[in-house]
Amino acid sequence: MTGGDYTLSSRDDGIHADDGAAISGGSIKISESCEGIEGLTIDITGGQIDITASDDGVNAAGGRDGSSMEKGKDPFVSMEGAYISISGGSLRINASGDGIDSNGDLMISGGETYLS
């Protein structure tokens, strides 16, 4: 996403990418979601993002939804290639689970990030 104004509401993921999600501009309001933004990799370099989530606000996890909850799988194991990178923009997260949950690397080098 490179621009525009988005207002989203979902009982599942507000934004879901099987591989990578990249946000560099625009205004995104996710008023209801299980997980706000989910993808194997998440790059946030700009924009105004406001997330309300019943689970994780931003989640770096691979594949389809619920993959970490499959029977016999450890939900806390790291995933090869998974990461969240925040280098710009404004990110406001109100989450009942983890505000930011990376099953790999987490890099924050700029922008504003607020978690509740």
C-alpha atoms as a PDB file:
ATOM      1  CA  MET A   1       0.000   0.000   0.000  1.00  0.00           C
ATOM      2  CA  THR A   2       1.481   3.292  -1.037  1.00  0.00           C
ATOM      3  CA  GLY A   3      -1.342   5.756  -0.430  1.00  0.00           C
ATOM      4  CA  GLY A   4      -5.057   6.305  -0.128  1.00  0.00           C
ATOM      5  CA  ASP A   5      -7.506   6.234   2.754  1.00  0.00           C
ATOM      6  CA  TYR A   6      -8.775   2.858   3.993  1.00  0.00           C
ATOM      7  CA  THR A   7     -11.290   2.005   6.689  1.00  0.00           C
ATOM      8  CA  LEU A   8     -11.441  -1.750   7.288  1.00  0.00           C
ATOM      9  CA  SER A   9     -13.363  -4.078   9.586  1.00  0.00           C
ATOM     10  CA  SER A  10     -13.032  -7.865   9.695  1.00  0.00           C
ATOM     11  CA  ARG A  11     -13.668 -10.754  12.046  1.00  0.00           C
ATOM     12  CA  ASP A  12     -10.354 -12.199  10.840  1.00  0.00           C
ATOM     13  CA  ASP A  13      -7.282 -10.293   9.607  1.00  0.00           C
ATOM     14  CA  GLY A  14      -7.713  -6.647   8.675  1.00  0.00           C
ATOM     15  CA  ILE A  15      -4.870  -7.006   6.154  1.00  0.00           C
ATOM     16  CA  HIS A  16      -3.457 -10.456   5.318  1.00  0.00           C
ATOM     17  CA  ALA A  17      -0.559 -11.404   3.051  1.00  0.00           C
ATOM     18  CA  ASP A  18       0.598 -15.008   2.627  1.00  0.00           C
ATOM     19  CA  ASP A  19       4.081 -13.629   1.919  1.00  0.00           C
ATOM     20  CA  GLY A  20       4.896  -9.949   2.384  1.00  0.00           C
ATOM     21  CA  ALA A  21       2.887  -6.874   3.350  1.00  0.00           C
ATOM     22  CA  ALA A  22       4.397  -3.434   2.720  1.00  0.00           C
ATOM     23  CA  ILE A  23       2.922  -0.086   3.748  1.00  0.00           C
ATOM     24  CA  SER A  24       4.648   3.136   2.747  1.00  0.00           C
ATOM     25  CA  GLY A  25       1.889   5.732   2.889  1.00  0.00           C
ATOM     26  CA  GLY A  26      -1.767   6.526   3.196  1.00  0.00           C
ATOM     27  CA  SER A  27      -4.203   6.329   6.067  1.00  0.00           C
ATOM     28  CA  ILE A  28      -5.362   2.911   7.317  1.00  0.00           C
ATOM     29  CA  LYS A  29      -7.952   2.473  10.056  1.00  0.00           C
ATOM     30  CA  ILE A  30      -8.731  -1.118  11.043  1.00  0.00           C
ATOM     31  CA  SER A  31     -11.647  -0.692  13.472  1.00  0.00           C
ATOM     32  CA  GLU A  32     -12.234  -4.409  14.141  1.00  0.00           C
ATOM     33  CA  SER A  33     -10.065  -7.475  13.499  1.00  0.00           C
ATOM     34  CA  CYS A  34      -8.707 -10.637  15.040  1.00  0.00           C
ATOM     35  CA  GLU A  35      -5.216  -9.678  13.852  1.00  0.00           C
ATOM     36  CA  GLY A  36      -4.758  -6.242  12.335  1.00  0.00           C
ATOM     37  CA  ILE A  37      -1.934  -6.874   9.860  1.00  0.00           C
ATOM     38  CA  GLU A  38      -0.529 -10.355   9.226  1.00  0.00           C
ATOM     39  CA  GLY A  39       2.093 -11.629   6.790  1.00  0.00           C
ATOM     40  CA  LEU A  40       5.329 -13.592   6.713  1.00  0.00           C
ATOM     41  CA  THR A  41       7.110 -10.242   6.379  1.00  0.00           C
ATOM     42  CA  ILE A  42       5.738  -6.810   7.245  1.00  0.00           C
ATOM     43  CA  ASP A  43       7.493  -3.596   6.209  1.00  0.00           C
ATOM     44  CA  ILE A  44       6.080  -0.285   7.464  1.00  0.00           C
ATOM     45  CA  THR A  45       7.964   2.740   6.123  1.00  0.00           C
ATOM     46  CA  GLY A  46       5.229   5.399   6.272  1.00  0.00           C
ATOM     47  CA  GLY A  47       1.573   6.196   6.609  1.00  0.00           C
ATOM     48  CA  GLN A  48      -0.910   6.651   9.431  1.00  0.00           C
ATOM     49  CA  ILE A  49      -2.074   3.270  10.779  1.00  0.00           C
ATOM     50  CA  ASP A  50      -4.671   2.771  13.526  1.00  0.00           C
ATOM     51  CA  ILE A  51      -5.467  -0.850  14.513  1.00  0.00           C
ATOM     52  CA  THR A  52      -7.981  -2.390  16.918  1.00  0.00           C
ATOM     53  CA  ALA A  53      -7.467  -6.155  17.279  1.00  0.00           C
ATOM     54  CA  SER A  54      -8.929  -8.865  19.497  1.00  0.00           C
ATOM     55  CA  ASP A  55      -5.633 -10.797  19.199  1.00  0.00           C
ATOM     56  CA  ASP A  56      -2.366  -9.417  17.739  1.00  0.00           C
ATOM     57  CA  GLY A  57      -2.125  -5.948  16.213  1.00  0.00           C
ATOM     58  CA  VAL A  58       0.743  -6.768  13.840  1.00  0.00           C
ATOM     59  CA  ASN A  59       1.777 -10.412  13.387  1.00  0.00           C
ATOM     60  CA  ALA A  60       4.652 -11.852  11.338  1.00  0.00           C
ATOM     61  CA  ALA A  61       3.627 -15.452  10.742  1.00  0.00           C
ATOM     62  CA  GLY A  62       3.687 -17.576   7.637  1.00  0.00           C
ATOM     63  CA  GLY A  63       1.060 -19.180   5.479  1.00  0.00           C
ATOM     64  CA  ARG A  64      -2.611 -19.456   6.199  1.00  0.00           C
ATOM     65  CA  ASP A  65      -4.422 -18.190   9.276  1.00  0.00           C
ATOM     66  CA  GLY A  66      -4.230 -20.291  12.420  1.00  0.00           C
ATOM     67  CA  SER A  67      -1.044 -22.053  11.299  1.00  0.00           C
ATOM     68  CA  SER A  68       0.562 -21.621  14.718  1.00  0.00           C
ATOM     69  CA  MET A  69      -2.437 -23.208  16.419  1.00  0.00           C
ATOM     70  CA  GLU A  70      -2.399 -26.461  14.423  1.00  0.00           C
ATOM     71  CA  LYS A  71      -2.515 -29.585  16.572  1.00  0.00           C
ATOM     72  CA  GLY A  72       0.964 -30.612  17.664  1.00  0.00           C
ATOM     73  CA  LYS A  73       2.646 -27.374  16.533  1.00  0.00           C
ATOM     74  CA  ASP A  74       4.478 -25.084  18.959  1.00  0.00           C
ATOM     75  CA  PRO A  75       2.938 -21.580  18.608  1.00  0.00           C
ATOM     76  CA  PHE A  76       6.137 -19.997  20.010  1.00  0.00           C
ATOM     77  CA  VAL A  77       8.619 -21.454  17.531  1.00  0.00           C
ATOM     78  CA  SER A  78      10.333 -18.961  15.228  1.00  0.00           C
ATOM     79  CA  MET A  79       9.594 -19.059  11.503  1.00  0.00           C
ATOM     80  CA  GLU A  80      12.375 -18.840   8.973  1.00  0.00           C
ATOM     81  CA  GLY A  81      12.183 -15.569   7.067  1.00  0.00           C
ATOM     82  CA  ALA A  82       9.511 -13.980   9.287  1.00  0.00           C
ATOM     83  CA  TYR A  83      10.076 -10.368  10.328  1.00  0.00           C
ATOM     84  CA  ILE A  84       8.465  -7.029  11.123  1.00  0.00           C
ATOM     85  CA  SER A  85      10.332  -3.864  10.142  1.00  0.00           C
ATOM     86  CA  ILE A  86       9.057  -0.422  11.205  1.00  0.00           C
ATOM     87  CA  SER A  87      11.106   2.516   9.926  1.00  0.00           C
ATOM     88  CA  GLY A  88       8.555   5.306   9.512  1.00  0.00           C
ATOM     89  CA  GLY A  89       4.968   6.413   9.798  1.00  0.00           C
ATOM     90  CA  SER A  90       2.652   6.467  12.771  1.00  0.00           C
ATOM     91  CA  LEU A  91       1.350   3.167  14.164  1.00  0.00           C
ATOM     92  CA  ARG A  92      -1.305   3.057  16.898  1.00  0.00           C
ATOM     93  CA  ILE A  93      -2.372  -0.382  18.138  1.00  0.00           C
ATOM     94  CA  ASN A  94      -5.077  -1.334  20.641  1.00  0.00           C
ATOM     95  CA  ALA A  95      -4.809  -5.131  20.961  1.00  0.00           C
ATOM     96  CA  SER A  96      -6.181  -7.680  23.399  1.00  0.00           C
ATOM     97  CA  GLY A  97      -3.298 -10.041  22.518  1.00  0.00           C
ATOM     98  CA  ASP A  98       0.203  -8.975  21.540  1.00  0.00           C
ATOM     99  CA  GLY A  99       0.551  -5.467  20.180  1.00  0.00           C
ATOM    100  CA  ILE A 100       3.408  -6.618  17.947  1.00  0.00           C
ATOM    101  CA  ASP A 101       4.110 -10.352  17.521  1.00  0.00           C
ATOM    102  CA  SER A 102       6.982 -11.468  15.321  1.00  0.00           C
ATOM    103  CA  ASN A 103       7.666 -15.162  14.923  1.00  0.00           C
ATOM    104  CA  GLY A 104      11.057 -14.085  13.610  1.00  0.00           C
ATOM    105  CA  ASP A 105      12.920 -10.769  13.734  1.00  0.00           C
ATOM    106  CA  LEU A 106      11.625  -7.385  14.895  1.00  0.00           C
ATOM    107  CA  MET A 107      13.349  -4.186  13.763  1.00  0.00           C
ATOM    108  CA  ILE A 108      12.209  -0.687  14.749  1.00  0.00           C
ATOM    109  CA  SER A 109      14.364   2.165  13.480  1.00  0.00           C
ATOM    110  CA  GLY A 110      11.994   5.105  13.089  1.00  0.00           C
ATOM    111  CA  GLY A 111       8.451   6.385  13.041  1.00  0.00           C
ATOM    112  CA  GLU A 112       6.094   6.481  15.999  1.00  0.00           C
ATOM    113  CA  THR A 113       4.669   3.315  17.561  1.00  0.00           C
ATOM    114  CA  TYR A 114       2.029   3.362  20.320  1.00  0.00           C
ATOM    115  CA  LEU A 115       0.691   0.158  21.898  1.00  0.00           C
ATOM    116  CA  SER A 116      -2.197  -0.404  24.258  1.00  0.00           C
END
